[in-house]
Amino acid sequence: MDIQKKVAYGKLLGEIYRIQKALGIPNECSDHHVYGLQHGMEPSIRAIWEEYDFISVDEIVIVDELFDEIESGNHKDVTSEEVLLDILESRGLPESKGRKVLQYYKLGGFYKERFDALKDNPLVPPDDSK
């Protein structure tokens, strides 16, 4: 993205953050950065853009492929989201991005049956003391 677009988006974000603060809505942006965004200060703009964790379609496809494998009967070892995240990480998708894609799908109602099954089968060590 070119610098002019970043500055324009930064100014918009700065205004949004300023309005949120005025309304008492908490946000993570300091007054220092709000002012910097509103006035096109490069360090504030860089700080905001570096914060965003872009997730590409190729990274989302990694999750789709794993769910396809699970639906076709492979990976019966996926008994929790943690196991799911471990497999995704072994395929090159960092855990932080994996969690975001899973949440994205949950909020969209995708793979609902699979997520429900994971809730019913949490990865808890068996209690051998009884």
Protein backbone atom coordinates (compact mmCIF):
# COMPACT_ATOMS: atom_id res chain seq x y z
CA MET A 1 0.00 0.00 0.00
CA ASP A 2 1.41 3.37 -0.90
CA ILE A 3 2.18 5.97 1.74
CA GLN A 4 -0.68 8.30 0.77
CA LYS A 5 -3.23 5.57 1.41
CA LYS A 6 -1.59 4.67 4.70
CA VAL A 7 -1.72 8.32 5.79
CA ALA A 8 -5.38 8.61 4.75
CA TYR A 9 -6.35 5.39 6.56
CA GLY A 10 -4.26 6.49 9.52
CA LYS A 11 -6.18 9.75 9.73
CA LEU A 12 -9.47 7.85 9.62
CA LEU A 13 -8.32 5.47 12.34
CA GLY A 14 -7.10 8.41 14.39
CA GLU A 15 -10.54 10.00 14.20
CA ILE A 16 -12.25 6.72 15.10
CA TYR A 17 -9.96 6.28 18.10
CA ARG A 18 -10.52 9.91 19.18
CA ILE A 19 -14.30 9.49 18.97
CA GLN A 20 -14.14 6.20 20.89
CA LYS A 21 -12.15 7.85 23.66
CA ALA A 22 -14.57 10.79 23.78
CA LEU A 23 -17.47 8.34 24.17
CA GLY A 24 -15.65 6.39 26.87
CA ILE A 25 -15.13 3.35 24.65
CA PRO A 26 -11.76 1.82 25.50
CA ASN A 27 -9.22 1.21 22.77
CA GLU A 28 -5.56 0.31 22.75
CA CYS A 29 -4.32 3.47 21.06
CA SER A 30 -2.55 6.04 23.23
CA ASP A 31 -3.38 9.74 22.92
CA HIS A 32 0.13 10.14 21.54
CA HIS A 33 -0.60 7.78 18.64
CA VAL A 34 -4.12 9.14 18.09
CA TYR A 35 -2.63 12.59 17.54
CA GLY A 36 0.12 11.11 15.37
CA LEU A 37 -2.40 9.29 13.20
CA GLN A 38 -4.61 12.33 12.82
CA HIS A 39 -1.65 14.42 11.73
CA GLY A 40 0.18 11.94 9.51
CA MET A 41 3.13 11.22 11.81
CA GLU A 42 5.10 8.36 10.29
CA PRO A 43 6.03 6.59 13.56
CA SER A 44 2.36 6.39 14.59
CA ILE A 45 1.30 5.22 11.15
CA ARG A 46 4.01 2.55 11.10
CA ALA A 47 3.07 1.41 14.61
CA ILE A 48 -0.54 0.89 13.58
CA TRP A 49 0.21 -0.91 10.32
CA GLU A 50 2.75 -3.21 11.93
CA GLU A 51 0.08 -4.16 14.48
CA TYR A 52 -2.21 -5.64 11.84
CA ASP A 53 -1.65 -9.32 11.28
CA PHE A 54 -2.61 -9.86 7.64
CA ILE A 55 -3.87 -13.37 6.93
CA SER A 56 -3.71 -14.35 3.28
CA VAL A 57 -6.11 -16.57 1.37
CA ASP A 58 -3.30 -19.12 1.08
CA GLU A 59 -3.08 -19.26 4.88
CA ILE A 60 -6.85 -19.68 5.19
CA VAL A 61 -6.70 -22.51 2.65
CA ILE A 62 -4.39 -24.39 5.05
CA VAL A 63 -7.28 -24.48 7.55
CA ASP A 64 -9.81 -25.43 4.85
CA GLU A 65 -7.64 -28.32 3.67
CA LEU A 66 -7.30 -29.66 7.20
CA PHE A 67 -11.07 -29.45 7.77
CA ASP A 68 -11.62 -31.25 4.45
CA GLU A 69 -9.28 -34.03 5.60
CA ILE A 70 -11.10 -34.27 8.94
CA GLU A 71 -14.51 -34.42 7.23
CA SER A 72 -13.29 -37.22 4.93
CA GLY A 73 -12.39 -39.35 7.95
CA ASN A 74 -8.70 -38.57 8.30
CA HIS A 75 -7.26 -37.06 11.47
CA LYS A 76 -9.41 -38.79 14.04
CA ASP A 77 -6.71 -37.57 16.43
CA VAL A 78 -8.14 -34.04 16.30
CA THR A 79 -9.93 -34.02 19.63
CA SER A 80 -9.48 -30.38 20.60
CA GLU A 81 -8.72 -26.99 19.15
CA GLU A 82 -5.23 -27.27 20.61
CA VAL A 83 -4.54 -30.38 18.53
CA LEU A 84 -6.03 -28.61 15.52
CA LEU A 85 -3.71 -25.64 16.10
CA ASP A 86 -0.69 -27.92 16.49
CA ILE A 87 -1.40 -29.54 13.11
CA LEU A 88 -1.92 -26.14 11.49
CA GLU A 89 1.36 -24.92 12.95
CA SER A 90 3.16 -28.00 11.60
CA ARG A 91 1.84 -26.99 8.18
CA GLY A 92 3.27 -23.49 8.46
CA LEU A 93 0.39 -21.49 9.94
CA PRO A 94 1.46 -19.74 13.16
CA GLU A 95 -0.77 -20.39 16.16
CA SER A 96 -1.82 -16.74 16.44
CA LYS A 97 -3.08 -16.75 12.85
CA GLY A 98 -4.63 -20.20 13.27
CA ARG A 99 -6.65 -18.97 16.25
CA LYS A 100 -7.86 -15.97 14.26
CA VAL A 101 -8.96 -18.10 11.30
CA LEU A 102 -10.78 -20.51 13.63
CA GLN A 103 -12.57 -17.62 15.34
CA TYR A 104 -13.41 -16.14 11.91
CA TYR A 105 -15.00 -19.43 10.91
CA LYS A 106 -16.84 -19.83 14.23
CA LEU A 107 -18.34 -16.36 13.93
CA GLY A 108 -19.38 -17.11 10.36
CA GLY A 109 -21.01 -20.40 11.32
CA PHE A 110 -18.60 -22.45 9.20
CA TYR A 111 -17.70 -26.01 10.23
CA LYS A 112 -20.23 -25.73 13.06
CA GLU A 113 -20.55 -29.49 13.54
CA ARG A 114 -16.79 -29.86 13.74
CA PHE A 115 -16.46 -27.08 16.33
CA ASP A 116 -19.34 -28.54 18.33
CA ALA A 117 -17.60 -31.94 18.31
CA LEU A 118 -14.41 -30.35 19.59
CA LYS A 119 -16.34 -28.77 22.47
CA ASP A 120 -17.76 -32.19 23.37
CA ASN A 121 -14.31 -33.79 23.32
CA PRO A 122 -11.89 -31.48 25.06
CA LEU A 123 -8.34 -32.70 25.34
CA VAL A 124 -8.28 -33.57 29.02
CA PRO A 125 -5.96 -36.22 30.41
CA PRO A 126 -7.88 -39.19 31.82
CA ASP A 127 -8.19 -39.28 35.59
CA ASP A 128 -6.47 -42.55 36.54
CA SER A 129 -6.94 -42.01 40.26
CA LYS A 130 -10.52 -43.37 40.29
